[in-house]
Amino acid sequence: MITALTIALAVILVITSVLLVVLILLHRGKGGGLSDLFGSGVSSDLGGLTVAEKNLDRLTVGLGLVWAACIVAVGLLVSSAA
């Protein structure tokens, strides 16, 4: 039986999946990327990363953790219902 919690987690999982795809595509590749559109003039002394790239990395990692937690939670809910 599918509960409201399972549906809510599935919706969060779909949203975070789409956002992860977008954030990963924004990362800079070897020749530059879409992340240059945001704050390309503001640079940091640590490894030459811009503020926008650091924030993009933090958002991607945080969203990845939320995505992984949703995967585990849905798996536990579905396996306990069976």
N, C-alpha and C. Protein backbone atom coordinates (compact mmCIF):
# COMPACT_ATOMS: atom_id res chain seq x y z
N MET A 1 0.84 -1.18 0.00
CA MET A 1 0.00 0.00 0.00
C MET A 1 0.89 1.25 0.00
N ILE A 2 0.56 2.16 -0.88
CA ILE A 2 1.34 3.39 -1.00
C ILE A 2 0.77 4.43 -0.04
N THR A 3 1.65 4.97 0.79
CA THR A 3 1.21 5.97 1.76
C THR A 3 1.50 7.37 1.24
N ALA A 4 0.96 8.35 1.95
CA ALA A 4 1.19 9.75 1.58
C ALA A 4 2.67 10.11 1.72
N LEU A 5 3.34 9.51 2.69
CA LEU A 5 4.77 9.78 2.88
C LEU A 5 5.58 9.26 1.69
N THR A 6 5.22 8.10 1.19
CA THR A 6 5.92 7.55 0.02
C THR A 6 5.72 8.44 -1.20
N ILE A 7 4.51 8.93 -1.39
CA ILE A 7 4.23 9.82 -2.52
C ILE A 7 5.00 11.13 -2.37
N ALA A 8 5.02 11.69 -1.16
CA ALA A 8 5.74 12.94 -0.93
C ALA A 8 7.23 12.76 -1.19
N LEU A 9 7.80 11.65 -0.73
CA LEU A 9 9.22 11.39 -0.97
C LEU A 9 9.51 11.18 -2.45
N ALA A 10 8.58 10.53 -3.15
CA ALA A 10 8.76 10.32 -4.59
C ALA A 10 8.74 11.66 -5.34
N VAL A 11 7.87 12.56 -4.94
CA VAL A 11 7.80 13.88 -5.57
C VAL A 11 9.09 14.65 -5.30
N ILE A 12 9.57 14.61 -4.06
CA ILE A 12 10.83 15.28 -3.71
C ILE A 12 11.98 14.66 -4.51
N LEU A 13 11.93 13.36 -4.70
CA LEU A 13 12.97 12.66 -5.46
C LEU A 13 12.99 13.11 -6.91
N VAL A 14 11.84 13.27 -7.52
CA VAL A 14 11.77 13.72 -8.91
C VAL A 14 12.29 15.16 -9.03
N ILE A 15 11.88 16.02 -8.11
CA ILE A 15 12.31 17.42 -8.15
C ILE A 15 13.82 17.53 -7.96
N THR A 16 14.36 16.80 -6.98
CA THR A 16 15.80 16.87 -6.75
C THR A 16 16.58 16.26 -7.91
N SER A 17 16.03 15.26 -8.56
CA SER A 17 16.71 14.66 -9.72
C SER A 17 16.84 15.67 -10.85
N VAL A 18 15.76 16.38 -11.14
CA VAL A 18 15.79 17.38 -12.21
C VAL A 18 16.76 18.51 -11.85
N LEU A 19 16.71 18.96 -10.59
CA LEU A 19 17.61 20.03 -10.17
C LEU A 19 19.08 19.59 -10.21
N LEU A 20 19.35 18.33 -9.87
CA LEU A 20 20.72 17.83 -9.94
C LEU A 20 21.23 17.83 -11.38
N VAL A 21 20.39 17.44 -12.31
CA VAL A 21 20.80 17.46 -13.72
C VAL A 21 21.16 18.88 -14.14
N VAL A 22 20.33 19.84 -13.76
CA VAL A 22 20.57 21.25 -14.12
C VAL A 22 21.87 21.74 -13.47
N LEU A 23 22.05 21.46 -12.19
CA LEU A 23 23.25 21.94 -11.50
C LEU A 23 24.52 21.30 -12.05
N ILE A 24 24.46 20.02 -12.39
CA ILE A 24 25.64 19.36 -12.93
C ILE A 24 25.98 19.94 -14.30
N LEU A 25 24.97 20.26 -15.09
CA LEU A 25 25.24 20.86 -16.40
C LEU A 25 25.81 22.27 -16.28
N LEU A 26 25.56 22.94 -15.17
CA LEU A 26 26.10 24.28 -14.97
C LEU A 26 27.58 24.28 -14.60
N HIS A 27 28.10 23.13 -14.14
CA HIS A 27 29.50 23.08 -13.75
C HIS A 27 30.42 23.27 -14.94
N ARG A 28 31.59 23.79 -14.63
CA ARG A 28 32.59 24.07 -15.66
C ARG A 28 33.26 22.77 -16.07
N GLY A 29 33.38 22.60 -17.36
CA GLY A 29 34.12 21.47 -17.88
C GLY A 29 35.57 21.86 -18.06
N LYS A 30 36.27 21.17 -18.92
CA LYS A 30 37.68 21.50 -19.15
C LYS A 30 37.84 22.84 -19.86
N GLY A 31 36.93 23.16 -20.74
CA GLY A 31 37.06 24.38 -21.51
C GLY A 31 36.18 25.51 -21.04
N GLY A 32 35.62 25.43 -19.86
CA GLY A 32 34.70 26.44 -19.37
C GLY A 32 33.29 25.90 -19.43
N GLY A 33 32.38 26.60 -18.81
CA GLY A 33 31.01 26.10 -18.79
C GLY A 33 30.02 27.21 -18.53
N LEU A 34 28.82 26.80 -18.25
CA LEU A 34 27.77 27.76 -18.01
C LEU A 34 27.95 28.50 -16.69
N SER A 35 28.79 27.96 -15.80
CA SER A 35 29.02 28.64 -14.53
C SER A 35 29.73 29.98 -14.73
N ASP A 36 30.32 30.21 -15.89
CA ASP A 36 30.97 31.48 -16.17
C ASP A 36 29.96 32.61 -16.32
N LEU A 37 28.72 32.28 -16.53
CA LEU A 37 27.69 33.31 -16.66
C LEU A 37 27.46 34.04 -15.34
N PHE A 38 27.73 33.36 -14.24
CA PHE A 38 27.43 33.93 -12.92
C PHE A 38 28.71 34.28 -12.19
N GLY A 39 28.98 35.54 -11.99
CA GLY A 39 30.10 35.98 -11.17
C GLY A 39 31.46 35.62 -11.71
N SER A 40 31.66 35.69 -13.00
CA SER A 40 32.95 35.29 -13.56
C SER A 40 34.06 36.28 -13.19
N GLY A 41 33.71 37.49 -12.81
CA GLY A 41 34.73 38.47 -12.47
C GLY A 41 35.19 38.40 -11.04
N VAL A 42 34.45 37.75 -10.16
CA VAL A 42 34.80 37.66 -8.75
C VAL A 42 35.54 36.35 -8.53
N SER A 43 36.83 36.45 -8.20
CA SER A 43 37.61 35.23 -8.03
C SER A 43 38.13 35.13 -6.60
N SER A 44 38.49 33.93 -6.25
CA SER A 44 39.00 33.65 -4.91
C SER A 44 40.48 33.27 -5.02
N ASP A 45 41.19 33.36 -3.92
CA ASP A 45 42.61 32.99 -3.91
C ASP A 45 42.81 31.50 -3.76
N LEU A 46 41.79 30.76 -3.35
CA LEU A 46 41.94 29.34 -3.10
C LEU A 46 41.69 28.54 -4.37
N GLY A 47 42.73 28.20 -5.07
CA GLY A 47 42.63 27.35 -6.24
C GLY A 47 42.02 28.02 -7.46
N GLY A 48 41.83 29.30 -7.44
CA GLY A 48 41.30 29.99 -8.59
C GLY A 48 39.81 29.79 -8.81
N LEU A 49 39.10 29.25 -7.84
CA LEU A 49 37.66 29.06 -7.99
C LEU A 49 36.93 30.36 -7.74
N THR A 50 35.91 30.60 -8.52
CA THR A 50 35.11 31.79 -8.30
C THR A 50 34.09 31.51 -7.21
N VAL A 51 33.50 32.57 -6.70
CA VAL A 51 32.49 32.44 -5.66
C VAL A 51 31.29 31.67 -6.20
N ALA A 52 30.94 31.92 -7.44
CA ALA A 52 29.81 31.21 -8.05
C ALA A 52 30.08 29.72 -8.15
N GLU A 53 31.30 29.34 -8.48
CA GLU A 53 31.64 27.91 -8.59
C GLU A 53 31.60 27.24 -7.22
N LYS A 54 32.08 27.92 -6.18
CA LYS A 54 32.03 27.36 -4.84
C LYS A 54 30.59 27.16 -4.39
N ASN A 55 29.75 28.16 -4.63
CA ASN A 55 28.35 28.04 -4.25
C ASN A 55 27.65 26.96 -5.06
N LEU A 56 27.99 26.84 -6.33
CA LEU A 56 27.41 25.81 -7.18
C LEU A 56 27.83 24.42 -6.68
N ASP A 57 29.08 24.29 -6.26
CA ASP A 57 29.54 23.02 -5.69
C ASP A 57 28.77 22.69 -4.42
N ARG A 58 28.61 23.67 -3.54
CA ARG A 58 27.88 23.44 -2.28
C ARG A 58 26.44 23.05 -2.54
N LEU A 59 25.79 23.74 -3.46
CA LEU A 59 24.40 23.41 -3.79
C LEU A 59 24.29 22.00 -4.37
N THR A 60 25.22 21.64 -5.23
CA THR A 60 25.17 20.32 -5.85
C THR A 60 25.38 19.22 -4.81
N VAL A 61 26.33 19.40 -3.93
CA VAL A 61 26.59 18.39 -2.90
C VAL A 61 25.41 18.30 -1.94
N GLY A 62 24.87 19.43 -1.52
CA GLY A 62 23.72 19.42 -0.61
C GLY A 62 22.51 18.76 -1.24
N LEU A 63 22.24 19.09 -2.49
CA LEU A 63 21.10 18.49 -3.18
C LEU A 63 21.33 17.00 -3.42
N GLY A 64 22.58 16.62 -3.66
CA GLY A 64 22.90 15.20 -3.81
C GLY A 64 22.66 14.42 -2.53
N LEU A 65 22.95 15.04 -1.40
CA LEU A 65 22.68 14.38 -0.11
C LEU A 65 21.18 14.23 0.14
N VAL A 66 20.41 15.26 -0.21
CA VAL A 66 18.95 15.17 -0.07
C VAL A 66 18.41 14.07 -0.98
N TRP A 67 18.93 14.01 -2.20
CA TRP A 67 18.52 12.99 -3.17
C TRP A 67 18.81 11.59 -2.64
N ALA A 68 20.02 11.39 -2.11
CA ALA A 68 20.40 10.08 -1.57
C ALA A 68 19.55 9.70 -0.37
N ALA A 69 19.25 10.67 0.49
CA ALA A 69 18.41 10.38 1.65
C ALA A 69 16.99 9.98 1.21
N CYS A 70 16.48 10.62 0.17
CA CYS A 70 15.15 10.26 -0.34
C CYS A 70 15.16 8.86 -0.93
N ILE A 71 16.23 8.50 -1.63
CA ILE A 71 16.34 7.15 -2.20
C ILE A 71 16.29 6.11 -1.08
N VAL A 72 17.06 6.34 -0.03
CA VAL A 72 17.10 5.39 1.09
C VAL A 72 15.75 5.33 1.79
N ALA A 73 15.13 6.49 2.01
CA ALA A 73 13.83 6.52 2.71
C ALA A 73 12.75 5.81 1.91
N VAL A 74 12.69 6.06 0.61
CA VAL A 74 11.70 5.38 -0.22
C VAL A 74 11.96 3.86 -0.23
N GLY A 75 13.21 3.49 -0.32
CA GLY A 75 13.55 2.06 -0.29
C GLY A 75 13.13 1.40 1.01
N LEU A 76 13.36 2.08 2.12
CA LEU A 76 12.96 1.51 3.42
C LEU A 76 11.44 1.44 3.55
N LEU A 77 10.75 2.46 3.09
CA LEU A 77 9.28 2.46 3.17
C LEU A 77 8.66 1.36 2.29
N VAL A 78 9.19 1.21 1.10
CA VAL A 78 8.64 0.21 0.18
C VAL A 78 8.96 -1.21 0.67
N SER A 79 10.17 -1.40 1.18
CA SER A 79 10.53 -2.75 1.65
C SER A 79 9.79 -3.12 2.93
N SER A 80 9.48 -2.15 3.78
CA SER A 80 8.75 -2.46 5.01
C SER A 80 7.27 -2.67 4.74
N ALA A 81 6.75 -2.14 3.63
CA ALA A 81 5.35 -2.32 3.30
C ALA A 81 5.09 -3.70 2.68
N ALA A 82 6.13 -4.30 2.15
CA ALA A 82 5.94 -5.60 1.47
C ALA A 82 5.91 -6.76 2.42
